[in-house]
Amino acid sequence: MADTLVIYYSRKGENYAGGAVRSLAKGNTEIVAEYIAEITGADLFEVETVKTYSADYTKCTEEAKAELQADARPELKAYLDNLDAYENIVVAGPCWWGTYPMAVFTLLDRLDFDCKTVLPVMTHEGSGLAEAAKALKKHCHGAMVGPGLAIRGSEVEQAKPQIERWARQNRL
């Protein structure tokens, strides 16, 4: 078993990338999570909601904003029981209104991060890491939050060298 776990949420289908709404067969964050796993040997855990978001990009952004405003915790299809086997946890997601999708917090709030290193990763189209590190400090009690990585969604296919450098710098 790896000593690193990548917890990620990703949206396929309609996404905003490169200045336009496009349909993606695989979500940008999923691609980044898979690169991290390939480079580091990390295990992957995908956060999936029971209720699906709208397939329409604009409607999905409205749903995401409503969840953020309500501080919602959407129900997930599966949960992790613990993080005992891992030293490093990468939390990856798209930037939705300046932070992770609320479903990510549904999972994080249930886990004990004591003595773990948590690293934020965010895909975006101009927001960078936004409030990712701040959110992890709030939701990953007991963790040390390390340096994050922001990848422009429209550039994920070319991001492997950037991810390799970040992984090396963080000894993953």
N, C-alpha and C. Protein backbone atom coordinates (compact mmCIF):
# COMPACT_ATOMS: atom_id res chain seq x y z
N MET A 1 0.84 -1.19 0.00
CA MET A 1 0.00 0.00 0.00
C MET A 1 0.88 1.25 0.00
N ALA A 2 0.45 2.25 -0.70
CA ALA A 2 1.18 3.51 -0.80
C ALA A 2 1.09 4.28 0.51
N ASP A 3 2.03 5.21 0.71
CA ASP A 3 1.92 6.08 1.90
C ASP A 3 1.24 7.40 1.57
N THR A 4 0.80 7.54 0.31
CA THR A 4 0.10 8.75 -0.13
C THR A 4 -1.26 8.37 -0.69
N LEU A 5 -2.26 9.16 -0.34
CA LEU A 5 -3.61 8.99 -0.86
C LEU A 5 -4.02 10.29 -1.54
N VAL A 6 -4.62 10.16 -2.71
CA VAL A 6 -5.19 11.31 -3.41
C VAL A 6 -6.71 11.20 -3.30
N ILE A 7 -7.30 12.14 -2.56
CA ILE A 7 -8.75 12.27 -2.49
C ILE A 7 -9.12 13.33 -3.52
N TYR A 8 -10.02 12.99 -4.44
CA TYR A 8 -10.34 13.98 -5.48
C TYR A 8 -11.81 13.95 -5.86
N TYR A 9 -12.28 15.12 -6.28
CA TYR A 9 -13.58 15.27 -6.92
C TYR A 9 -13.30 15.83 -8.31
N SER A 10 -14.01 15.30 -9.31
CA SER A 10 -13.81 15.77 -10.67
C SER A 10 -15.13 15.76 -11.41
N ARG A 11 -15.29 16.69 -12.32
CA ARG A 11 -16.52 16.77 -13.12
C ARG A 11 -16.20 16.54 -14.59
N LYS A 12 -16.81 15.51 -15.16
CA LYS A 12 -16.73 15.32 -16.61
C LYS A 12 -17.97 15.94 -17.23
N GLY A 13 -18.02 15.98 -18.53
CA GLY A 13 -19.14 16.62 -19.20
C GLY A 13 -18.83 18.09 -19.41
N GLU A 14 -19.86 18.93 -19.34
CA GLU A 14 -19.67 20.36 -19.60
C GLU A 14 -18.81 21.01 -18.52
N ASN A 15 -17.74 21.65 -18.96
CA ASN A 15 -16.81 22.38 -18.10
C ASN A 15 -16.37 23.65 -18.81
N TYR A 16 -15.95 24.61 -18.04
CA TYR A 16 -15.38 25.83 -18.61
C TYR A 16 -13.88 25.61 -18.72
N ALA A 17 -13.36 25.67 -19.93
CA ALA A 17 -11.93 25.45 -20.16
C ALA A 17 -11.48 26.25 -21.36
N GLY A 18 -10.39 26.98 -21.17
CA GLY A 18 -9.83 27.73 -22.28
C GLY A 18 -10.74 28.81 -22.84
N GLY A 19 -11.58 29.38 -21.99
CA GLY A 19 -12.43 30.49 -22.40
C GLY A 19 -13.79 30.10 -22.96
N ALA A 20 -14.13 28.82 -22.92
CA ALA A 20 -15.42 28.39 -23.45
C ALA A 20 -15.91 27.16 -22.68
N VAL A 21 -17.21 26.92 -22.76
CA VAL A 21 -17.78 25.71 -22.17
C VAL A 21 -17.57 24.58 -23.17
N ARG A 22 -16.97 23.50 -22.68
CA ARG A 22 -16.65 22.35 -23.54
C ARG A 22 -17.09 21.07 -22.84
N SER A 23 -17.34 20.05 -23.60
CA SER A 23 -17.68 18.75 -23.03
C SER A 23 -16.42 17.90 -22.91
N LEU A 24 -16.15 17.44 -21.70
CA LEU A 24 -14.95 16.66 -21.43
C LEU A 24 -15.32 15.21 -21.13
N ALA A 25 -14.65 14.28 -21.79
CA ALA A 25 -14.88 12.86 -21.54
C ALA A 25 -14.41 12.47 -20.14
N LYS A 26 -13.38 13.14 -19.67
CA LYS A 26 -12.82 12.90 -18.34
C LYS A 26 -12.57 14.26 -17.71
N GLY A 27 -12.91 14.40 -16.44
CA GLY A 27 -12.73 15.67 -15.76
C GLY A 27 -11.27 16.04 -15.59
N ASN A 28 -10.99 17.33 -15.58
CA ASN A 28 -9.62 17.83 -15.44
C ASN A 28 -8.96 17.35 -14.15
N THR A 29 -9.68 17.38 -13.04
CA THR A 29 -9.08 16.97 -11.77
C THR A 29 -8.79 15.48 -11.77
N GLU A 30 -9.62 14.69 -12.41
CA GLU A 30 -9.35 13.25 -12.50
C GLU A 30 -8.04 12.99 -13.24
N ILE A 31 -7.81 13.73 -14.29
CA ILE A 31 -6.55 13.58 -15.04
C ILE A 31 -5.36 13.92 -14.14
N VAL A 32 -5.46 15.02 -13.40
CA VAL A 32 -4.38 15.42 -12.50
C VAL A 32 -4.18 14.36 -11.41
N ALA A 33 -5.27 13.87 -10.82
CA ALA A 33 -5.18 12.84 -9.77
C ALA A 33 -4.49 11.59 -10.31
N GLU A 34 -4.84 11.19 -11.52
CA GLU A 34 -4.21 10.01 -12.12
C GLU A 34 -2.72 10.23 -12.37
N TYR A 35 -2.35 11.43 -12.81
CA TYR A 35 -0.93 11.74 -12.97
C TYR A 35 -0.20 11.63 -11.63
N ILE A 36 -0.78 12.18 -10.58
CA ILE A 36 -0.14 12.12 -9.26
C ILE A 36 0.04 10.66 -8.85
N ALA A 37 -0.99 9.84 -9.04
CA ALA A 37 -0.90 8.42 -8.69
C ALA A 37 0.17 7.71 -9.51
N GLU A 38 0.22 8.01 -10.79
CA GLU A 38 1.22 7.39 -11.68
C GLU A 38 2.64 7.78 -11.25
N ILE A 39 2.84 9.04 -10.93
CA ILE A 39 4.17 9.55 -10.58
C ILE A 39 4.62 9.07 -9.20
N THR A 40 3.70 9.00 -8.24
CA THR A 40 4.07 8.73 -6.85
C THR A 40 3.70 7.34 -6.35
N GLY A 41 2.86 6.63 -7.08
CA GLY A 41 2.36 5.34 -6.59
C GLY A 41 1.24 5.50 -5.58
N ALA A 42 0.66 6.70 -5.49
CA ALA A 42 -0.41 6.98 -4.54
C ALA A 42 -1.66 6.17 -4.85
N ASP A 43 -2.45 5.95 -3.81
CA ASP A 43 -3.78 5.38 -3.97
C ASP A 43 -4.73 6.53 -4.30
N LEU A 44 -5.85 6.18 -4.96
CA LEU A 44 -6.85 7.17 -5.34
C LEU A 44 -8.18 6.89 -4.65
N PHE A 45 -8.86 7.96 -4.24
CA PHE A 45 -10.24 7.85 -3.75
C PHE A 45 -11.03 8.96 -4.41
N GLU A 46 -12.02 8.58 -5.21
CA GLU A 46 -12.86 9.57 -5.88
C GLU A 46 -14.09 9.89 -5.03
N VAL A 47 -14.32 11.15 -4.80
CA VAL A 47 -15.51 11.63 -4.10
C VAL A 47 -16.63 11.69 -5.13
N GLU A 48 -17.70 10.93 -4.88
CA GLU A 48 -18.84 10.90 -5.79
C GLU A 48 -20.11 11.15 -4.99
N THR A 49 -20.93 12.05 -5.47
CA THR A 49 -22.18 12.37 -4.77
C THR A 49 -23.30 11.41 -5.18
N VAL A 50 -24.21 11.18 -4.25
CA VAL A 50 -25.38 10.37 -4.54
C VAL A 50 -26.25 11.10 -5.56
N LYS A 51 -26.53 12.35 -5.29
CA LYS A 51 -27.31 13.18 -6.21
C LYS A 51 -26.35 13.82 -7.21
N THR A 52 -26.60 13.60 -8.48
CA THR A 52 -25.71 14.17 -9.49
C THR A 52 -26.04 15.64 -9.72
N TYR A 53 -25.01 16.38 -10.06
CA TYR A 53 -25.20 17.78 -10.42
C TYR A 53 -25.74 17.86 -11.84
N SER A 54 -26.31 18.98 -12.18
CA SER A 54 -26.85 19.18 -13.52
C SER A 54 -25.78 18.96 -14.57
N ALA A 55 -26.16 18.36 -15.68
CA ALA A 55 -25.22 18.19 -16.80
C ALA A 55 -24.90 19.53 -17.45
N ASP A 56 -25.79 20.50 -17.33
CA ASP A 56 -25.59 21.83 -17.88
C ASP A 56 -24.60 22.60 -16.99
N TYR A 57 -23.53 23.10 -17.59
CA TYR A 57 -22.48 23.78 -16.82
C TYR A 57 -23.01 24.94 -15.99
N THR A 58 -23.80 25.81 -16.60
CA THR A 58 -24.30 26.99 -15.89
C THR A 58 -25.19 26.58 -14.72
N LYS A 59 -26.07 25.62 -14.92
CA LYS A 59 -26.92 25.14 -13.83
C LYS A 59 -26.08 24.51 -12.72
N CYS A 60 -25.04 23.78 -13.10
CA CYS A 60 -24.16 23.17 -12.10
C CYS A 60 -23.50 24.25 -11.25
N THR A 61 -23.06 25.34 -11.87
CA THR A 61 -22.43 26.41 -11.09
C THR A 61 -23.41 27.03 -10.10
N GLU A 62 -24.68 27.12 -10.51
CA GLU A 62 -25.71 27.64 -9.61
C GLU A 62 -25.95 26.69 -8.44
N GLU A 63 -25.97 25.38 -8.72
CA GLU A 63 -26.13 24.38 -7.66
C GLU A 63 -24.94 24.44 -6.70
N ALA A 64 -23.75 24.57 -7.24
CA ALA A 64 -22.55 24.64 -6.42
C ALA A 64 -22.57 25.88 -5.53
N LYS A 65 -23.01 26.99 -6.07
CA LYS A 65 -23.07 28.23 -5.28
C LYS A 65 -24.10 28.09 -4.16
N ALA A 66 -25.25 27.49 -4.45
CA ALA A 66 -26.28 27.29 -3.43
C ALA A 66 -25.76 26.38 -2.31
N GLU A 67 -25.03 25.34 -2.67
CA GLU A 67 -24.44 24.45 -1.65
C GLU A 67 -23.44 25.20 -0.79
N LEU A 68 -22.61 26.02 -1.40
CA LEU A 68 -21.62 26.80 -0.66
C LEU A 68 -22.32 27.75 0.32
N GLN A 69 -23.32 28.45 -0.16
CA GLN A 69 -24.04 29.40 0.69
C GLN A 69 -24.74 28.71 1.85
N ALA A 70 -25.20 27.48 1.63
CA ALA A 70 -25.89 26.72 2.67
C ALA A 70 -24.93 25.92 3.55
N ASP A 71 -23.63 25.96 3.21
CA ASP A 71 -22.63 25.13 3.90
C ASP A 71 -23.08 23.66 3.90
N ALA A 72 -23.60 23.22 2.74
CA ALA A 72 -24.17 21.88 2.59
C ALA A 72 -23.10 20.79 2.65
N ARG A 73 -23.54 19.60 2.99
CA ARG A 73 -22.70 18.41 2.98
C ARG A 73 -23.44 17.34 2.18
N PRO A 74 -23.28 17.36 0.85
CA PRO A 74 -23.98 16.39 0.01
C PRO A 74 -23.61 14.95 0.39
N GLU A 75 -24.58 14.08 0.32
CA GLU A 75 -24.35 12.66 0.62
C GLU A 75 -23.46 12.05 -0.46
N LEU A 76 -22.56 11.17 -0.02
CA LEU A 76 -21.63 10.53 -0.94
C LEU A 76 -21.99 9.07 -1.18
N LYS A 77 -21.54 8.54 -2.31
CA LYS A 77 -21.76 7.13 -2.63
C LYS A 77 -20.91 6.22 -1.76
N ALA A 78 -19.72 6.70 -1.35
CA ALA A 78 -18.81 5.90 -0.52
C ALA A 78 -18.00 6.84 0.36
N TYR A 79 -17.54 6.30 1.47
CA TYR A 79 -16.76 7.07 2.44
C TYR A 79 -15.51 6.29 2.82
N LEU A 80 -14.50 6.98 3.26
CA LEU A 80 -13.32 6.34 3.84
C LEU A 80 -13.56 6.21 5.34
N ASP A 81 -13.11 5.10 5.92
CA ASP A 81 -13.25 4.91 7.37
C ASP A 81 -12.16 5.64 8.13
N ASN A 82 -10.95 5.58 7.58
CA ASN A 82 -9.82 6.22 8.27
C ASN A 82 -8.67 6.42 7.29
N LEU A 83 -7.65 7.12 7.77
CA LEU A 83 -6.46 7.42 6.96
C LEU A 83 -5.21 6.78 7.56
N ASP A 84 -5.39 5.80 8.41
CA ASP A 84 -4.29 5.22 9.18
C ASP A 84 -3.11 4.78 8.32
N ALA A 85 -3.36 4.29 7.14
CA ALA A 85 -2.29 3.73 6.29
C ALA A 85 -1.48 4.80 5.56
N TYR A 86 -1.87 6.06 5.69
CA TYR A 86 -1.25 7.11 4.89
C TYR A 86 -0.56 8.17 5.72
N GLU A 87 0.57 8.66 5.20
CA GLU A 87 1.26 9.80 5.81
C GLU A 87 0.87 11.11 5.12
N ASN A 88 0.68 11.02 3.81
CA ASN A 88 0.40 12.19 2.98
C ASN A 88 -0.96 12.04 2.32
N ILE A 89 -1.75 13.09 2.39
CA ILE A 89 -3.05 13.10 1.73
C ILE A 89 -3.09 14.31 0.80
N VAL A 90 -3.30 14.05 -0.47
CA VAL A 90 -3.49 15.11 -1.46
C VAL A 90 -5.00 15.27 -1.63
N VAL A 91 -5.47 16.49 -1.51
CA VAL A 91 -6.90 16.77 -1.72
C VAL A 91 -7.00 17.60 -2.99
N ALA A 92 -7.64 17.00 -4.01
CA ALA A 92 -7.69 17.62 -5.33
C ALA A 92 -9.14 17.86 -5.75
N GLY A 93 -9.36 19.02 -6.33
CA GLY A 93 -10.69 19.33 -6.82
C GLY A 93 -10.68 20.54 -7.72
N PRO A 94 -11.79 20.76 -8.40
CA PRO A 94 -11.93 21.97 -9.20
C PRO A 94 -12.23 23.16 -8.30
N CYS A 95 -11.90 24.33 -8.72
CA CYS A 95 -12.21 25.54 -7.96
C CYS A 95 -13.65 25.92 -8.25
N TRP A 96 -14.50 25.70 -7.25
CA TRP A 96 -15.91 26.07 -7.35
C TRP A 96 -16.16 27.21 -6.38
N TRP A 97 -16.33 28.40 -6.88
CA TRP A 97 -16.60 29.58 -6.06
C TRP A 97 -15.51 29.80 -5.02
N GLY A 98 -14.25 29.59 -5.43
CA GLY A 98 -13.12 29.92 -4.58
C GLY A 98 -12.68 28.83 -3.63
N THR A 99 -13.30 27.67 -3.69
CA THR A 99 -12.93 26.58 -2.80
C THR A 99 -13.25 25.24 -3.47
N TYR A 100 -13.12 24.17 -2.70
CA TYR A 100 -13.47 22.84 -3.21
C TYR A 100 -14.99 22.69 -3.29
N PRO A 101 -15.47 21.76 -4.11
CA PRO A 101 -16.89 21.42 -4.06
C PRO A 101 -17.26 20.96 -2.64
N MET A 102 -18.45 21.27 -2.20
CA MET A 102 -18.85 20.96 -0.83
C MET A 102 -18.82 19.46 -0.54
N ALA A 103 -18.97 18.63 -1.55
CA ALA A 103 -18.90 17.18 -1.35
C ALA A 103 -17.54 16.76 -0.79
N VAL A 104 -16.50 17.47 -1.14
CA VAL A 104 -15.17 17.16 -0.60
C VAL A 104 -15.17 17.34 0.92
N PHE A 105 -15.84 18.38 1.39
CA PHE A 105 -15.90 18.63 2.84
C PHE A 105 -16.76 17.59 3.55
N THR A 106 -17.75 17.02 2.85
CA THR A 106 -18.53 15.93 3.42
C THR A 106 -17.59 14.82 3.88
N LEU A 107 -16.61 14.51 3.05
CA LEU A 107 -15.66 13.45 3.40
C LEU A 107 -14.63 13.92 4.42
N LEU A 108 -14.02 15.06 4.18
CA LEU A 108 -12.94 15.53 5.05
C LEU A 108 -13.40 15.69 6.50
N ASP A 109 -14.60 16.20 6.70
CA ASP A 109 -15.09 16.45 8.05
C ASP A 109 -15.26 15.18 8.87
N ARG A 110 -15.29 14.03 8.23
CA ARG A 110 -15.48 12.75 8.92
C ARG A 110 -14.17 12.07 9.32
N LEU A 111 -13.05 12.60 8.86
CA LEU A 111 -11.78 11.90 9.01
C LEU A 111 -10.87 12.56 10.04
N ASP A 112 -9.96 11.76 10.60
CA ASP A 112 -8.96 12.24 11.55
C ASP A 112 -7.65 12.44 10.79
N PHE A 113 -7.17 13.67 10.75
CA PHE A 113 -5.96 14.00 10.02
C PHE A 113 -4.76 14.22 10.95
N ASP A 114 -4.88 13.82 12.19
CA ASP A 114 -3.81 14.05 13.16
C ASP A 114 -2.49 13.46 12.66
N CYS A 115 -1.46 14.28 12.65
CA CYS A 115 -0.09 13.90 12.24
C CYS A 115 0.03 13.57 10.75
N LYS A 116 -0.90 14.01 9.95
CA LYS A 116 -0.83 13.80 8.50
C LYS A 116 -0.37 15.09 7.82
N THR A 117 0.24 14.94 6.65
CA THR A 117 0.54 16.08 5.80
C THR A 117 -0.52 16.10 4.71
N VAL A 118 -1.17 17.24 4.56
CA VAL A 118 -2.24 17.40 3.58
C VAL A 118 -1.79 18.45 2.56
N LEU A 119 -1.95 18.13 1.29
CA LEU A 119 -1.50 19.01 0.21
C LEU A 119 -2.66 19.37 -0.70
N PRO A 120 -2.92 20.66 -0.87
CA PRO A 120 -4.02 21.08 -1.74
C PRO A 120 -3.63 21.07 -3.22
N VAL A 121 -4.55 20.58 -4.04
CA VAL A 121 -4.39 20.62 -5.49
C VAL A 121 -5.72 21.12 -6.05
N MET A 122 -5.63 22.08 -6.95
CA MET A 122 -6.86 22.64 -7.51
C MET A 122 -6.69 22.85 -9.01
N THR A 123 -7.72 22.43 -9.75
CA THR A 123 -7.79 22.77 -11.17
C THR A 123 -8.68 24.00 -11.29
N HIS A 124 -8.36 24.85 -12.23
CA HIS A 124 -9.03 26.15 -12.31
C HIS A 124 -8.88 26.73 -13.71
N GLU A 125 -9.54 27.83 -13.94
CA GLU A 125 -9.37 28.58 -15.19
C GLU A 125 -9.03 30.02 -14.89
N GLY A 126 -8.27 30.25 -13.82
CA GLY A 126 -7.83 31.60 -13.50
C GLY A 126 -7.81 31.90 -12.01
N SER A 127 -8.36 31.04 -11.20
CA SER A 127 -8.43 31.28 -9.76
C SER A 127 -7.22 30.76 -8.98
N GLY A 128 -6.37 30.00 -9.63
CA GLY A 128 -5.23 29.41 -8.92
C GLY A 128 -5.70 28.52 -7.79
N LEU A 129 -4.99 28.55 -6.67
CA LEU A 129 -5.37 27.73 -5.51
C LEU A 129 -6.53 28.33 -4.73
N ALA A 130 -6.85 29.60 -5.00
CA ALA A 130 -7.95 30.29 -4.31
C ALA A 130 -7.84 30.05 -2.80
N GLU A 131 -8.88 29.54 -2.17
CA GLU A 131 -8.91 29.33 -0.73
C GLU A 131 -8.65 27.87 -0.33
N ALA A 132 -8.02 27.10 -1.21
CA ALA A 132 -7.83 25.67 -0.96
C ALA A 132 -7.06 25.40 0.34
N ALA A 133 -5.92 26.04 0.53
CA ALA A 133 -5.12 25.79 1.74
C ALA A 133 -5.88 26.19 2.99
N LYS A 134 -6.55 27.32 2.95
CA LYS A 134 -7.34 27.78 4.09
C LYS A 134 -8.44 26.78 4.42
N ALA A 135 -9.09 26.26 3.40
CA ALA A 135 -10.15 25.27 3.60
C ALA A 135 -9.61 24.00 4.24
N LEU A 136 -8.45 23.55 3.80
CA LEU A 136 -7.88 22.33 4.37
C LEU A 136 -7.46 22.54 5.82
N LYS A 137 -6.97 23.72 6.14
CA LYS A 137 -6.63 24.01 7.54
C LYS A 137 -7.88 23.95 8.42
N LYS A 138 -8.99 24.35 7.87
CA LYS A 138 -10.25 24.34 8.63
C LYS A 138 -10.84 22.93 8.74
N HIS A 139 -10.77 22.13 7.69
CA HIS A 139 -11.47 20.85 7.64
C HIS A 139 -10.60 19.63 7.92
N CYS A 140 -9.31 19.77 7.95
CA CYS A 140 -8.41 18.63 8.18
C CYS A 140 -7.73 18.80 9.54
N HIS A 141 -8.50 18.66 10.58
CA HIS A 141 -8.02 18.90 11.95
C HIS A 141 -6.81 18.04 12.28
N GLY A 142 -5.77 18.68 12.80
CA GLY A 142 -4.56 17.98 13.21
C GLY A 142 -3.52 17.82 12.12
N ALA A 143 -3.84 18.22 10.90
CA ALA A 143 -2.91 18.05 9.78
C ALA A 143 -1.98 19.25 9.63
N MET A 144 -0.83 18.97 9.02
CA MET A 144 0.04 20.03 8.57
C MET A 144 -0.28 20.23 7.09
N VAL A 145 -0.66 21.43 6.70
CA VAL A 145 -0.99 21.71 5.31
C VAL A 145 0.26 22.17 4.59
N GLY A 146 0.64 21.42 3.56
CA GLY A 146 1.85 21.70 2.81
C GLY A 146 1.58 22.53 1.56
N PRO A 147 2.62 22.73 0.75
CA PRO A 147 2.51 23.54 -0.46
C PRO A 147 1.52 22.95 -1.47
N GLY A 148 0.73 23.81 -2.04
CA GLY A 148 -0.28 23.37 -2.99
C GLY A 148 0.17 23.45 -4.43
N LEU A 149 -0.70 22.96 -5.28
CA LEU A 149 -0.45 22.94 -6.72
C LEU A 149 -1.73 23.37 -7.42
N ALA A 150 -1.61 24.37 -8.27
CA ALA A 150 -2.74 24.83 -9.07
C ALA A 150 -2.44 24.54 -10.54
N ILE A 151 -3.38 23.89 -11.20
CA ILE A 151 -3.23 23.53 -12.61
C ILE A 151 -4.42 24.10 -13.38
N ARG A 152 -4.12 24.86 -14.39
CA ARG A 152 -5.19 25.39 -15.25
C ARG A 152 -5.84 24.20 -15.96
N GLY A 153 -7.17 24.11 -15.84
CA GLY A 153 -7.90 22.98 -16.40
C GLY A 153 -7.64 22.75 -17.88
N SER A 154 -7.55 23.83 -18.63
CA SER A 154 -7.33 23.70 -20.07
C SER A 154 -5.91 23.27 -20.40
N GLU A 155 -5.04 23.14 -19.38
CA GLU A 155 -3.65 22.74 -19.60
C GLU A 155 -3.28 21.42 -18.92
N VAL A 156 -4.27 20.68 -18.41
CA VAL A 156 -3.94 19.46 -17.66
C VAL A 156 -3.20 18.42 -18.49
N GLU A 157 -3.50 18.33 -19.75
CA GLU A 157 -2.86 17.32 -20.60
C GLU A 157 -1.34 17.53 -20.68
N GLN A 158 -0.88 18.77 -20.50
CA GLN A 158 0.55 19.08 -20.55
C GLN A 158 1.16 19.28 -19.17
N ALA A 159 0.44 18.98 -18.11
CA ALA A 159 0.86 19.34 -16.75
C ALA A 159 1.75 18.30 -16.07
N LYS A 160 2.00 17.18 -16.69
CA LYS A 160 2.75 16.11 -16.02
C LYS A 160 4.12 16.58 -15.51
N PRO A 161 4.92 17.32 -16.28
CA PRO A 161 6.22 17.79 -15.75
C PRO A 161 6.06 18.69 -14.52
N GLN A 162 5.06 19.55 -14.51
CA GLN A 162 4.79 20.42 -13.37
C GLN A 162 4.40 19.59 -12.14
N ILE A 163 3.59 18.57 -12.35
CA ILE A 163 3.16 17.69 -11.26
C ILE A 163 4.36 16.91 -10.73
N GLU A 164 5.23 16.43 -11.62
CA GLU A 164 6.43 15.70 -11.19
C GLU A 164 7.32 16.57 -10.31
N ARG A 165 7.53 17.83 -10.69
CA ARG A 165 8.35 18.74 -9.88
C ARG A 165 7.73 18.96 -8.50
N TRP A 166 6.43 19.20 -8.48
CA TRP A 166 5.72 19.43 -7.22
C TRP A 166 5.80 18.18 -6.32
N ALA A 167 5.61 17.02 -6.90
CA ALA A 167 5.68 15.77 -6.13
C ALA A 167 7.09 15.56 -5.55
N ARG A 168 8.10 15.83 -6.35
CA ARG A 168 9.50 15.70 -5.87
C ARG A 168 9.77 16.67 -4.73
N GLN A 169 9.34 17.92 -4.90
CA GLN A 169 9.57 18.95 -3.88
C GLN A 169 8.89 18.59 -2.56
N ASN A 170 7.79 17.85 -2.65
CA ASN A 170 7.05 17.47 -1.45
C ASN A 170 7.34 16.04 -0.98
N ARG A 171 8.34 15.44 -1.60
CA ARG A 171 8.80 14.09 -1.24
C ARG A 171 7.67 13.05 -1.24
N LEU A 172 6.87 13.12 -2.27
CA LEU A 172 5.77 12.16 -2.40
C LEU A 172 6.25 10.93 -3.14
